Amino acid sequence: MTAPRKRRRPSLLAAREGGAAIEFAMIMPIAVAMLVLMFDLGTGGYMKSRVLSAAQAGTTYVEAHGWDRRGIVLAVRAATNLPSVNIQATLSCGCVAGTAINDQLCGTPCPSGAAAGTYAAVTASSVYTPLIPYPGLARSMTLSASSIVRVN
């Protein structure tokens, strides 16, 4: 008669069960961090587009109704759902030089010979604070956009 064989238990290092659970546990924090980062910075991008739309709404108002600072402010506020938007609306005379408008006295001729035009500029800005402080990014950022339209 032979003696019964003693069964050896496999060592923990040789075990093959639970590998997927360990991989999942290692990858999940990285995946969650990436999702939070995408959501947070995506919110910042959305806010920037809302600020830009608000500034453009102000100049659209000027095109349709003429210069009216109160009306411009109301149009900008109506165009965005952001809680706090700072609005600046200015009216000035100037001459177009490439992509810039150089200040010029109203009614005086520009270097090109054309009369100086009257321009309305609307600037909208809002502060964005990320949910989490990220290395390399400021704790809060001012998102700003401007739009300019010729009045006459």
C-alpha atoms as a PDB file:
ATOM      1  CA  MET A   1       0.000   0.000   0.000  1.00  0.00           C
ATOM      2  CA  THR A   2       1.277   3.397  -0.899  1.00  0.00           C
ATOM      3  CA  ALA A   3       1.132   6.371   1.341  1.00  0.00           C
ATOM      4  CA  PRO A   4      -1.295   9.132   0.259  1.00  0.00           C
ATOM      5  CA  ARG A   5       0.414  12.012  -1.460  1.00  0.00           C
ATOM      6  CA  LYS A   6       0.474  15.260   0.318  1.00  0.00           C
ATOM      7  CA  ARG A   7      -1.107  18.027  -1.806  1.00  0.00           C
ATOM      8  CA  ARG A   8       0.938  21.115  -2.070  1.00  0.00           C
ATOM      9  CA  ARG A   9      -0.770  24.449  -2.147  1.00  0.00           C
ATOM     10  CA  PRO A  10       0.415  26.762  -4.918  1.00  0.00           C
ATOM     11  CA  SER A  11       2.454  29.696  -3.723  1.00  0.00           C
ATOM     12  CA  LEU A  12       1.028  33.177  -3.854  1.00  0.00           C
ATOM     13  CA  LEU A  13       3.553  34.218  -6.511  1.00  0.00           C
ATOM     14  CA  ALA A  14       2.509  31.363  -8.778  1.00  0.00           C
ATOM     15  CA  ALA A  15      -1.232  32.025  -8.393  1.00  0.00           C
ATOM     16  CA  ARG A  16      -3.009  33.087 -11.584  1.00  0.00           C
ATOM     17  CA  GLU A  17      -6.400  34.103 -10.169  1.00  0.00           C
ATOM     18  CA  GLY A  18      -7.279  37.763  -9.566  1.00  0.00           C
ATOM     19  CA  GLY A  19      -4.861  39.290 -12.073  1.00  0.00           C
ATOM     20  CA  ALA A  20      -7.614  41.274 -13.772  1.00  0.00           C
ATOM     21  CA  ALA A  21      -8.765  42.712 -10.448  1.00  0.00           C
ATOM     22  CA  ILE A  22      -5.249  43.881  -9.640  1.00  0.00           C
ATOM     23  CA  GLU A  23      -4.848  45.466 -13.085  1.00  0.00           C
ATOM     24  CA  PHE A  24      -8.226  47.175 -12.695  1.00  0.00           C
ATOM     25  CA  ALA A  25      -7.245  48.520  -9.272  1.00  0.00           C
ATOM     26  CA  MET A  26      -4.011  49.931 -10.702  1.00  0.00           C
ATOM     27  CA  ILE A  27      -5.564  51.569 -13.784  1.00  0.00           C
ATOM     28  CA  MET A  28      -8.778  52.932 -12.236  1.00  0.00           C
ATOM     29  CA  PRO A  29      -7.254  55.895 -10.303  1.00  0.00           C
ATOM     30  CA  ILE A  30      -5.456  57.032 -13.464  1.00  0.00           C
ATOM     31  CA  ALA A  31      -8.643  56.747 -15.536  1.00  0.00           C
ATOM     32  CA  VAL A  32     -10.673  58.678 -12.934  1.00  0.00           C
ATOM     33  CA  ALA A  33      -7.998  61.391 -12.747  1.00  0.00           C
ATOM     34  CA  MET A  34      -8.069  61.744 -16.550  1.00  0.00           C
ATOM     35  CA  LEU A  35     -11.871  62.017 -16.552  1.00  0.00           C
ATOM     36  CA  VAL A  36     -11.813  64.698 -13.851  1.00  0.00           C
ATOM     37  CA  LEU A  37      -9.119  66.619 -15.748  1.00  0.00           C
ATOM     38  CA  MET A  38     -11.098  66.457 -19.012  1.00  0.00           C
ATOM     39  CA  PHE A  39     -14.296  67.581 -17.303  1.00  0.00           C
ATOM     40  CA  ASP A  40     -12.609  70.392 -15.390  1.00  0.00           C
ATOM     41  CA  LEU A  41     -10.633  71.856 -18.287  1.00  0.00           C
ATOM     42  CA  GLY A  42     -13.587  71.249 -20.611  1.00  0.00           C
ATOM     43  CA  THR A  43     -15.653  73.454 -18.316  1.00  0.00           C
ATOM     44  CA  GLY A  44     -13.000  76.154 -18.714  1.00  0.00           C
ATOM     45  CA  GLY A  45     -13.206  75.847 -22.507  1.00  0.00           C
ATOM     46  CA  TYR A  46     -16.993  76.069 -22.365  1.00  0.00           C
ATOM     47  CA  MET A  47     -16.777  79.217 -20.229  1.00  0.00           C
ATOM     48  CA  LYS A  48     -14.327  80.771 -22.704  1.00  0.00           C
ATOM     49  CA  SER A  49     -16.749  80.152 -25.581  1.00  0.00           C
ATOM     50  CA  ARG A  50     -19.620  81.683 -23.547  1.00  0.00           C
ATOM     51  CA  VAL A  51     -17.515  84.795 -22.862  1.00  0.00           C
ATOM     52  CA  LEU A  52     -16.701  85.090 -26.583  1.00  0.00           C
ATOM     53  CA  SER A  53     -20.368  84.704 -27.529  1.00  0.00           C
ATOM     54  CA  ALA A  54     -21.324  87.361 -24.990  1.00  0.00           C
ATOM     55  CA  ALA A  55     -18.851  89.882 -26.454  1.00  0.00           C
ATOM     56  CA  GLN A  56     -20.120  89.160 -29.957  1.00  0.00           C
ATOM     57  CA  ALA A  57     -23.708  89.626 -28.778  1.00  0.00           C
ATOM     58  CA  GLY A  58     -22.755  93.120 -27.629  1.00  0.00           C
ATOM     59  CA  THR A  59     -21.418  94.131 -31.045  1.00  0.00           C
ATOM     60  CA  THR A  60     -24.405  92.506 -32.751  1.00  0.00           C
ATOM     61  CA  TYR A  61     -26.614  94.725 -30.605  1.00  0.00           C
ATOM     62  CA  VAL A  62     -24.620  97.792 -31.735  1.00  0.00           C
ATOM     63  CA  GLU A  63     -25.071  96.809 -35.387  1.00  0.00           C
ATOM     64  CA  ALA A  64     -28.825  96.446 -34.952  1.00  0.00           C
ATOM     65  CA  HIS A  65     -29.636  99.324 -32.577  1.00  0.00           C
ATOM     66  CA  GLY A  66     -26.699 101.714 -32.609  1.00  0.00           C
ATOM     67  CA  TRP A  67     -24.654 102.847 -29.620  1.00  0.00           C
ATOM     68  CA  ASP A  68     -26.500 102.400 -26.326  1.00  0.00           C
ATOM     69  CA  ARG A  69     -24.274 101.340 -23.427  1.00  0.00           C
ATOM     70  CA  ARG A  70     -27.173 100.112 -21.268  1.00  0.00           C
ATOM     71  CA  GLY A  71     -28.616  98.070 -24.142  1.00  0.00           C
ATOM     72  CA  ILE A  72     -25.204  96.572 -24.889  1.00  0.00           C
ATOM     73  CA  VAL A  73     -24.736  95.504 -21.260  1.00  0.00           C
ATOM     74  CA  LEU A  74     -28.195  93.909 -21.207  1.00  0.00           C
ATOM     75  CA  ALA A  75     -27.508  92.097 -24.499  1.00  0.00           C
ATOM     76  CA  VAL A  76     -24.209  90.734 -23.198  1.00  0.00           C
ATOM     77  CA  ARG A  77     -25.769  89.557 -19.934  1.00  0.00           C
ATOM     78  CA  ALA A  78     -28.634  87.903 -21.813  1.00  0.00           C
ATOM     79  CA  ALA A  79     -26.204  86.055 -24.098  1.00  0.00           C
ATOM     80  CA  THR A  80     -24.441  84.165 -21.318  1.00  0.00           C
ATOM     81  CA  ASN A  81     -25.452  82.035 -18.381  1.00  0.00           C
ATOM     82  CA  LEU A  82     -22.233  82.644 -16.458  1.00  0.00           C
ATOM     83  CA  PRO A  83     -22.754  83.886 -12.892  1.00  0.00           C
ATOM     84  CA  SER A  84     -20.472  86.907 -13.120  1.00  0.00           C
ATOM     85  CA  VAL A  85     -19.431  88.615 -16.317  1.00  0.00           C
ATOM     86  CA  ASN A  86     -17.553  91.902 -16.387  1.00  0.00           C
ATOM     87  CA  ILE A  87     -18.525  94.048 -19.362  1.00  0.00           C
ATOM     88  CA  GLN A  88     -16.726  97.003 -20.881  1.00  0.00           C
ATOM     89  CA  ALA A  89     -18.185  98.876 -23.838  1.00  0.00           C
ATOM     90  CA  THR A  90     -16.281 101.743 -25.430  1.00  0.00           C
ATOM     91  CA  LEU A  91     -16.838 104.002 -28.411  1.00  0.00           C
ATOM     92  CA  SER A  92     -13.807 105.503 -30.139  1.00  0.00           C
ATOM     93  CA  CYS A  93     -12.589 106.855 -33.445  1.00  0.00           C
ATOM     94  CA  GLY A  94      -9.747 105.303 -35.331  1.00  0.00           C
ATOM     95  CA  CYS A  95      -8.130 104.162 -38.549  1.00  0.00           C
ATOM     96  CA  VAL A  96      -7.739 100.570 -39.665  1.00  0.00           C
ATOM     97  CA  ALA A  97      -4.108  99.502 -39.965  1.00  0.00           C
ATOM     98  CA  GLY A  98      -3.913  95.839 -40.916  1.00  0.00           C
ATOM     99  CA  THR A  99      -5.733  93.960 -38.168  1.00  0.00           C
ATOM    100  CA  ALA A 100      -5.551  96.805 -35.627  1.00  0.00           C
ATOM    101  CA  ILE A 101      -7.422 100.058 -35.179  1.00  0.00           C
ATOM    102  CA  ASN A 102      -5.194 103.021 -34.369  1.00  0.00           C
ATOM    103  CA  ASP A 103      -6.759 105.840 -32.360  1.00  0.00           C
ATOM    104  CA  GLN A 104      -7.456 108.961 -34.402  1.00  0.00           C
ATOM    105  CA  LEU A 105      -9.468 112.099 -33.789  1.00  0.00           C
ATOM    106  CA  CYS A 106     -12.985 111.823 -35.136  1.00  0.00           C
ATOM    107  CA  GLY A 107     -13.398 113.509 -38.517  1.00  0.00           C
ATOM    108  CA  THR A 108      -9.673 113.716 -39.291  1.00  0.00           C
ATOM    109  CA  PRO A 109      -8.246 111.853 -42.252  1.00  0.00           C
ATOM    110  CA  CYS A 110      -6.408 108.557 -41.823  1.00  0.00           C
ATOM    111  CA  PRO A 111      -2.992 107.938 -43.404  1.00  0.00           C
ATOM    112  CA  SER A 112      -4.816 106.076 -46.167  1.00  0.00           C
ATOM    113  CA  GLY A 113      -6.832 109.211 -46.961  1.00  0.00           C
ATOM    114  CA  ALA A 114     -10.171 107.845 -45.693  1.00  0.00           C
ATOM    115  CA  ALA A 115     -11.939 109.571 -42.802  1.00  0.00           C
ATOM    116  CA  ALA A 116     -11.492 108.074 -39.345  1.00  0.00           C
ATOM    117  CA  GLY A 117     -14.321 105.709 -38.445  1.00  0.00           C
ATOM    118  CA  THR A 118     -16.239 105.311 -35.215  1.00  0.00           C
ATOM    119  CA  TYR A 119     -15.848 101.888 -33.618  1.00  0.00           C
ATOM    120  CA  ALA A 120     -17.628 100.179 -30.757  1.00  0.00           C
ATOM    121  CA  ALA A 121     -15.588  97.696 -28.742  1.00  0.00           C
ATOM    122  CA  VAL A 122     -17.196  95.259 -26.329  1.00  0.00           C
ATOM    123  CA  THR A 123     -15.076  93.248 -23.917  1.00  0.00           C
ATOM    124  CA  ALA A 124     -16.513  90.527 -21.707  1.00  0.00           C
ATOM    125  CA  SER A 125     -14.534  88.705 -19.033  1.00  0.00           C
ATOM    126  CA  SER A 126     -15.164  86.141 -16.330  1.00  0.00           C
ATOM    127  CA  VAL A 127     -12.990  84.342 -13.793  1.00  0.00           C
ATOM    128  CA  TYR A 128     -12.580  80.569 -14.076  1.00  0.00           C
ATOM    129  CA  THR A 129     -11.334  78.599 -11.087  1.00  0.00           C
ATOM    130  CA  PRO A 130     -10.560  74.914 -11.731  1.00  0.00           C
ATOM    131  CA  LEU A 131     -11.977  72.360  -9.303  1.00  0.00           C
ATOM    132  CA  ILE A 132      -8.499  71.046  -8.543  1.00  0.00           C
ATOM    133  CA  PRO A 133      -5.243  73.044  -8.511  1.00  0.00           C
ATOM    134  CA  TYR A 134      -3.107  71.725 -11.366  1.00  0.00           C
ATOM    135  CA  PRO A 135       0.674  72.085 -11.511  1.00  0.00           C
ATOM    136  CA  GLY A 136       1.595  74.675 -14.121  1.00  0.00           C
ATOM    137  CA  LEU A 137      -1.837  76.348 -14.143  1.00  0.00           C
ATOM    138  CA  ALA A 138      -2.852  79.387 -12.154  1.00  0.00           C
ATOM    139  CA  ARG A 139      -5.355  78.821  -9.346  1.00  0.00           C
ATOM    140  CA  SER A 140      -7.815  81.071 -11.176  1.00  0.00           C
ATOM    141  CA  MET A 141      -7.780  82.447 -14.705  1.00  0.00           C
ATOM    142  CA  THR A 142      -9.487  85.458 -16.238  1.00  0.00           C
ATOM    143  CA  LEU A 143     -11.181  84.498 -19.479  1.00  0.00           C
ATOM    144  CA  SER A 144     -11.606  87.521 -21.704  1.00  0.00           C
ATOM    145  CA  ALA A 145     -12.904  88.180 -25.219  1.00  0.00           C
ATOM    146  CA  SER A 146     -13.347  91.344 -27.277  1.00  0.00           C
ATOM    147  CA  SER A 147     -15.365  92.176 -30.337  1.00  0.00           C
ATOM    148  CA  ILE A 148     -15.167  95.376 -32.401  1.00  0.00           C
ATOM    149  CA  VAL A 149     -17.634  96.749 -34.943  1.00  0.00           C
ATOM    150  CA  ARG A 150     -17.660  99.897 -37.026  1.00  0.00           C
ATOM    151  CA  VAL A 151     -20.606 102.105 -36.129  1.00  0.00           C
ATOM    152  CA  ASN A 152     -20.533 104.433 -39.133  1.00  0.00           C
END
